[in-house]
Protein backbone atom coordinates (compact mmCIF):
# COMPACT_ATOMS: atom_id res chain seq x y z
CA MET A 1 -2.55 28.28 -19.52
CA SER A 2 0.25 27.62 -17.05
CA ALA A 3 1.33 24.27 -15.75
CA TRP A 4 -0.18 25.09 -12.32
CA LEU A 5 -3.59 25.70 -13.82
CA ALA A 6 -3.34 22.57 -15.92
CA GLY A 7 -2.55 20.53 -12.87
CA THR A 8 -5.51 22.02 -11.06
CA THR A 9 -7.77 21.16 -13.91
CA ILE A 10 -6.56 17.54 -13.89
CA PHE A 11 -7.07 17.25 -10.14
CA CYS A 12 -10.59 18.65 -10.45
CA ALA A 13 -11.33 16.18 -13.26
CA CYS A 14 -10.17 13.34 -11.02
CA LEU A 15 -12.87 14.34 -8.56
CA VAL A 16 -15.63 13.06 -10.86
CA PRO A 17 -14.75 9.31 -10.48
CA CYS A 18 -14.38 9.78 -6.74
CA ALA A 19 -17.80 11.30 -6.58
CA ALA A 20 -19.25 8.43 -8.60
CA ILE A 21 -17.74 5.88 -6.23
CA CYS A 22 -19.01 7.83 -3.22
CA LEU A 23 -22.50 7.72 -4.57
CA ARG A 24 -22.73 4.25 -6.06
CA ALA A 25 -20.40 1.89 -4.16
CA LYS A 26 -22.04 -0.99 -2.30
CA ASN A 27 -19.40 -1.23 0.37
CA VAL A 28 -19.20 1.54 2.96
CA PHE A 29 -15.44 1.25 3.16
CA ASP A 30 -15.07 1.86 -0.58
CA ARG A 31 -17.06 5.03 -0.06
CA LEU A 32 -14.77 6.08 2.76
CA VAL A 33 -11.69 5.56 0.63
CA ALA A 34 -13.19 7.61 -2.22
CA LEU A 35 -14.12 10.34 0.23
CA GLU A 36 -10.60 10.50 1.56
CA MET A 37 -9.19 10.51 -1.97
CA SER A 38 -11.48 13.36 -3.01
CA ALA A 39 -10.42 15.37 0.02
CA MET A 40 -6.77 14.94 -0.87
CA LEU A 41 -7.42 15.90 -4.49
CA ALA A 42 -9.27 19.02 -3.38
CA ALA A 43 -6.46 19.98 -1.07
CA LEU A 44 -3.84 19.57 -3.82
CA ALA A 45 -6.01 21.56 -6.19
CA MET A 46 -6.20 24.41 -3.61
CA ILE A 47 -2.43 24.36 -3.17
CA LEU A 48 -1.89 24.50 -6.97
CA LEU A 49 -4.34 27.38 -7.22
CA ALA A 50 -2.49 29.27 -4.50
CA GLU A 51 0.72 28.88 -6.41
CA GLU A 52 -0.89 29.89 -9.70
CA MET A 53 -2.34 33.12 -8.18
CA LYS A 54 0.89 33.89 -6.32
CA ARG A 55 -0.91 34.09 -3.00
CA PRO A 56 1.09 32.13 -0.40
CA ILE A 57 -1.50 32.82 2.30
CA PHE A 58 -3.91 30.49 0.45
CA PHE A 59 -1.59 27.55 1.08
CA ASP A 60 -3.06 27.40 4.53
CA LEU A 61 -6.47 26.44 3.14
CA GLY A 62 -5.10 23.40 1.35
CA LEU A 63 -2.98 22.28 4.24
CA THR A 64 -5.86 22.72 6.70
CA LEU A 65 -8.21 20.70 4.51
CA ALA A 66 -5.60 17.91 4.26
CA LEU A 67 -5.14 17.72 8.00
CA LEU A 68 -8.84 17.95 8.89
CA SER A 69 -9.87 15.39 6.25
CA PHE A 70 -7.40 12.93 7.69
CA GLY A 71 -8.76 13.38 11.20
CA GLY A 72 -12.33 13.23 9.94
CA GLY A 73 -11.57 9.99 8.09
CA LEU A 74 -10.20 8.43 11.26
CA VAL A 75 -13.34 9.45 13.18
CA PHE A 76 -15.56 8.11 10.47
CA ALA A 77 -13.64 4.82 10.36
CA ARG A 78 -14.04 4.55 14.12
CA PHE A 79 -17.75 5.12 13.75
CA LEU A 80 -18.00 2.40 11.09
CA GLU A 81 -16.02 0.02 13.28
CA ARG A 82 -19.19 -0.71 15.29
CA TRP A 83 -20.85 -2.58 12.41
CA VAL A 84 -17.82 -4.65 11.31
């Protein structure tokens, strides 16, 4: 097992607490933060997998997920702003 694969495994394991918070948190903003954190962890895991497999074209997937999740989080926060 290489260091890249070990890092990917750790990032994937960190998705479990984020999923638990997304499903069980009382506050909507806590759920939003957990959703953003899980998107960043998934993007980092994709980038580490691309490095492990020696496929530089797969870096685009992780970078695209990072950029789109940031924009999606801003839109979702704007949507939640109505009820605050």
